[in-house]
């Protein structure tokens, strides 16, 4: 009985995540194109250095959600 429940849960998880991916693919592609042109070709990802285990520095790719030349002074 537990095998069937686990199998059904896995099928639902994969189907739901695949459906969400299909729904969000077009808006994410549009955002990527918009950011490419808004950032003058710089792209929408950047690498950030962060300290890791034992102080070792590693680089992580991050999504840049706003154009580079945007001012953030209103947040401060």
N, C-alpha and C. Protein backbone atom coordinates (compact mmCIF):
# COMPACT_ATOMS: atom_id res chain seq x y z
N UNK A 1 0.82 -1.20 0.00
CA UNK A 1 0.00 0.00 0.00
C UNK A 1 0.86 1.27 0.00
N UNK A 2 1.93 1.26 0.81
CA UNK A 2 2.80 2.43 0.89
C UNK A 2 3.54 2.66 -0.44
N UNK A 3 3.88 1.61 -1.13
CA UNK A 3 4.55 1.73 -2.42
C UNK A 3 3.68 2.49 -3.40
N UNK A 4 2.40 2.18 -3.45
CA UNK A 4 1.49 2.87 -4.37
C UNK A 4 1.33 4.34 -4.00
N UNK A 5 1.26 4.63 -2.71
CA UNK A 5 1.12 6.01 -2.25
C UNK A 5 2.37 6.82 -2.63
N UNK A 6 3.55 6.25 -2.41
CA UNK A 6 4.79 6.93 -2.77
C UNK A 6 4.90 7.13 -4.27
N UNK A 7 4.53 6.12 -5.05
CA UNK A 7 4.57 6.23 -6.50
C UNK A 7 3.60 7.30 -6.99
N UNK A 8 2.40 7.32 -6.45
CA UNK A 8 1.40 8.32 -6.86
C UNK A 8 1.88 9.73 -6.50
N UNK A 9 2.48 9.89 -5.32
CA UNK A 9 2.99 11.19 -4.92
C UNK A 9 4.08 11.64 -5.88
N UNK A 10 4.96 10.75 -6.27
CA UNK A 10 6.05 11.10 -7.20
C UNK A 10 5.47 11.51 -8.57
N UNK A 11 4.47 10.81 -9.05
CA UNK A 11 3.85 11.14 -10.33
C UNK A 11 3.20 12.52 -10.26
N UNK A 12 2.50 12.80 -9.17
CA UNK A 12 1.87 14.11 -9.00
C UNK A 12 2.92 15.21 -8.91
N UNK A 13 3.99 14.98 -8.17
CA UNK A 13 5.06 15.98 -8.03
C UNK A 13 5.70 16.30 -9.38
N UNK A 14 6.04 15.28 -10.14
CA UNK A 14 6.69 15.49 -11.44
C UNK A 14 5.73 16.16 -12.42
N UNK A 15 4.48 15.75 -12.43
CA UNK A 15 3.49 16.35 -13.33
C UNK A 15 3.25 17.82 -12.97
N UNK A 16 3.10 18.11 -11.70
CA UNK A 16 2.85 19.49 -11.27
C UNK A 16 4.06 20.39 -11.56
N UNK A 17 5.26 19.93 -11.27
CA UNK A 17 6.44 20.75 -11.52
C UNK A 17 6.66 20.95 -13.02
N UNK A 18 6.38 19.94 -13.82
CA UNK A 18 6.48 20.09 -15.27
C UNK A 18 5.46 21.08 -15.81
N UNK A 19 4.26 21.04 -15.28
CA UNK A 19 3.23 22.00 -15.70
C UNK A 19 3.59 23.43 -15.34
N UNK A 20 4.10 23.63 -14.14
CA UNK A 20 4.51 24.97 -13.72
C UNK A 20 5.66 25.46 -14.59
N UNK A 21 6.59 24.58 -14.90
CA UNK A 21 7.72 24.96 -15.75
C UNK A 21 7.23 25.37 -17.13
N UNK A 22 6.29 24.65 -17.69
CA UNK A 22 5.74 25.02 -19.00
C UNK A 22 5.01 26.36 -18.95
N UNK A 23 4.29 26.62 -17.88
CA UNK A 23 3.55 27.88 -17.76
C UNK A 23 4.51 29.06 -17.59
N UNK A 24 5.59 28.87 -16.83
CA UNK A 24 6.51 29.96 -16.54
C UNK A 24 7.62 30.13 -17.57
N UNK A 25 7.78 29.21 -18.49
CA UNK A 25 8.87 29.28 -19.46
C UNK A 25 8.80 30.54 -20.32
N UNK A 26 7.63 30.87 -20.81
CA UNK A 26 7.50 32.04 -21.68
C UNK A 26 7.75 33.36 -20.93
N UNK A 27 7.14 33.59 -19.76
CA UNK A 27 7.44 34.83 -19.05
C UNK A 27 8.92 34.95 -18.65
N UNK A 28 9.54 33.84 -18.27
CA UNK A 28 10.95 33.89 -17.90
C UNK A 28 11.83 34.19 -19.11
N UNK A 29 11.49 33.65 -20.26
CA UNK A 29 12.24 33.95 -21.48
C UNK A 29 12.08 35.43 -21.86
N UNK A 30 10.87 35.96 -21.72
CA UNK A 30 10.63 37.37 -22.01
C UNK A 30 11.43 38.26 -21.06
N UNK A 31 11.46 37.90 -19.78
CA UNK A 31 12.22 38.68 -18.80
C UNK A 31 13.71 38.64 -19.12
N UNK A 32 14.20 37.49 -19.54
CA UNK A 32 15.62 37.36 -19.88
C UNK A 32 15.97 38.27 -21.05
N UNK A 33 15.12 38.29 -22.08
CA UNK A 33 15.37 39.17 -23.23
C UNK A 33 15.31 40.63 -22.82
N UNK A 34 14.31 40.99 -22.00
CA UNK A 34 14.18 42.37 -21.55
C UNK A 34 15.41 42.81 -20.77
N UNK A 35 15.87 41.96 -19.85
CA UNK A 35 17.05 42.31 -19.06
C UNK A 35 18.31 42.39 -19.91
N UNK A 36 18.38 41.56 -20.93
CA UNK A 36 19.54 41.61 -21.82
C UNK A 36 19.65 42.98 -22.48
N UNK A 37 18.53 43.49 -22.97
CA UNK A 37 18.56 44.80 -23.63
C UNK A 37 18.63 45.95 -22.63
N UNK A 38 17.98 45.82 -21.48
CA UNK A 38 18.01 46.87 -20.46
C UNK A 38 19.41 47.03 -19.87
N UNK A 39 20.16 45.93 -19.80
CA UNK A 39 21.52 45.97 -19.26
C UNK A 39 22.57 46.14 -20.34
N UNK A 40 22.14 46.52 -21.51
CA UNK A 40 23.05 46.75 -22.65
C UNK A 40 23.91 45.53 -22.95
N UNK A 41 23.27 44.36 -22.95
CA UNK A 41 23.96 43.13 -23.32
C UNK A 41 24.70 42.45 -22.20
N UNK A 42 24.60 42.97 -20.99
CA UNK A 42 25.35 42.38 -19.86
C UNK A 42 24.73 41.08 -19.38
N UNK A 43 23.51 40.79 -19.78
CA UNK A 43 22.86 39.56 -19.33
C UNK A 43 22.12 39.75 -18.02
N UNK A 44 21.50 38.70 -17.55
CA UNK A 44 20.73 38.82 -16.32
C UNK A 44 21.29 37.93 -15.21
N UNK A 45 22.53 37.46 -15.36
CA UNK A 45 23.18 36.71 -14.31
C UNK A 45 24.53 37.37 -14.00
N UNK A 46 24.94 37.28 -12.77
CA UNK A 46 26.26 37.74 -12.37
C UNK A 46 26.81 36.77 -11.34
N UNK A 47 28.11 36.81 -11.15
CA UNK A 47 28.73 35.93 -10.16
C UNK A 47 29.09 36.73 -8.92
N UNK A 48 28.74 36.17 -7.78
CA UNK A 48 29.02 36.83 -6.51
C UNK A 48 29.94 35.94 -5.69
N UNK A 49 30.94 36.55 -5.09
CA UNK A 49 31.84 35.80 -4.21
C UNK A 49 31.25 35.77 -2.81
N UNK A 50 31.28 34.58 -2.21
CA UNK A 50 30.75 34.40 -0.86
C UNK A 50 31.70 33.52 -0.05
N UNK A 51 31.75 33.75 1.25
CA UNK A 51 32.58 32.87 2.08
C UNK A 51 31.85 31.56 2.34
N UNK A 52 32.59 30.47 2.24
CA UNK A 52 32.01 29.16 2.48
C UNK A 52 32.58 28.51 3.72
N UNK A 53 32.59 27.21 3.70
CA UNK A 53 33.09 26.45 4.83
C UNK A 53 34.56 26.75 5.06
N UNK A 54 34.92 26.96 6.30
CA UNK A 54 36.30 27.29 6.71
C UNK A 54 36.80 28.57 6.06
N UNK A 55 35.89 29.50 5.73
CA UNK A 55 36.28 30.78 5.16
C UNK A 55 36.69 30.73 3.70
N UNK A 56 36.54 29.57 3.07
CA UNK A 56 36.93 29.44 1.66
C UNK A 56 35.94 30.21 0.79
N UNK A 57 36.45 31.05 -0.11
CA UNK A 57 35.62 31.87 -0.98
C UNK A 57 35.17 31.04 -2.19
N UNK A 58 33.89 31.11 -2.51
CA UNK A 58 33.39 30.46 -3.71
C UNK A 58 32.52 31.45 -4.47
N UNK A 59 32.34 31.21 -5.75
CA UNK A 59 31.55 32.09 -6.60
C UNK A 59 30.23 31.40 -6.93
N UNK A 60 29.16 32.16 -6.82
CA UNK A 60 27.83 31.62 -7.08
C UNK A 60 27.15 32.48 -8.14
N UNK A 61 26.53 31.84 -9.17
CA UNK A 61 25.79 32.63 -10.16
C UNK A 61 24.45 33.08 -9.56
N UNK A 62 24.13 34.35 -9.75
CA UNK A 62 22.89 34.89 -9.21
C UNK A 62 22.12 35.59 -10.32
N UNK A 63 20.83 35.59 -10.19
CA UNK A 63 19.96 36.26 -11.15
C UNK A 63 19.88 37.74 -10.79
N UNK A 64 20.12 38.60 -11.77
CA UNK A 64 20.06 40.04 -11.54
C UNK A 64 18.68 40.53 -11.97
N UNK A 65 17.78 40.84 -11.05
CA UNK A 65 16.39 41.12 -11.39
C UNK A 65 16.10 42.50 -11.94
N UNK A 66 17.04 43.44 -11.85
CA UNK A 66 16.79 44.82 -12.28
C UNK A 66 17.89 45.29 -13.22
N UNK A 67 17.60 46.28 -14.04
CA UNK A 67 18.65 46.85 -14.89
C UNK A 67 19.81 47.39 -14.06
N UNK A 68 21.01 47.32 -14.59
CA UNK A 68 22.22 47.70 -13.86
C UNK A 68 22.22 49.18 -13.48
N UNK A 69 21.73 50.05 -14.33
CA UNK A 69 21.83 51.48 -14.06
C UNK A 69 20.70 52.01 -13.18
N UNK A 70 19.95 51.14 -12.53
CA UNK A 70 18.85 51.58 -11.69
C UNK A 70 19.38 52.08 -10.35
N UNK A 71 18.80 53.14 -9.85
CA UNK A 71 19.23 53.72 -8.59
C UNK A 71 18.45 53.09 -7.44
N UNK A 72 19.16 52.72 -6.37
CA UNK A 72 18.53 52.14 -5.20
C UNK A 72 18.55 53.09 -4.01
N UNK A 73 18.76 54.38 -4.25
CA UNK A 73 18.86 55.31 -3.14
C UNK A 73 17.56 55.44 -2.36
N UNK A 74 16.43 55.15 -3.00
CA UNK A 74 15.15 55.28 -2.30
C UNK A 74 14.97 54.21 -1.24
N UNK A 75 15.74 53.14 -1.28
CA UNK A 75 15.62 52.06 -0.29
C UNK A 75 16.31 52.46 1.01
N UNK A 76 17.38 53.19 0.91
CA UNK A 76 18.14 53.57 2.10
C UNK A 76 17.36 54.57 2.86
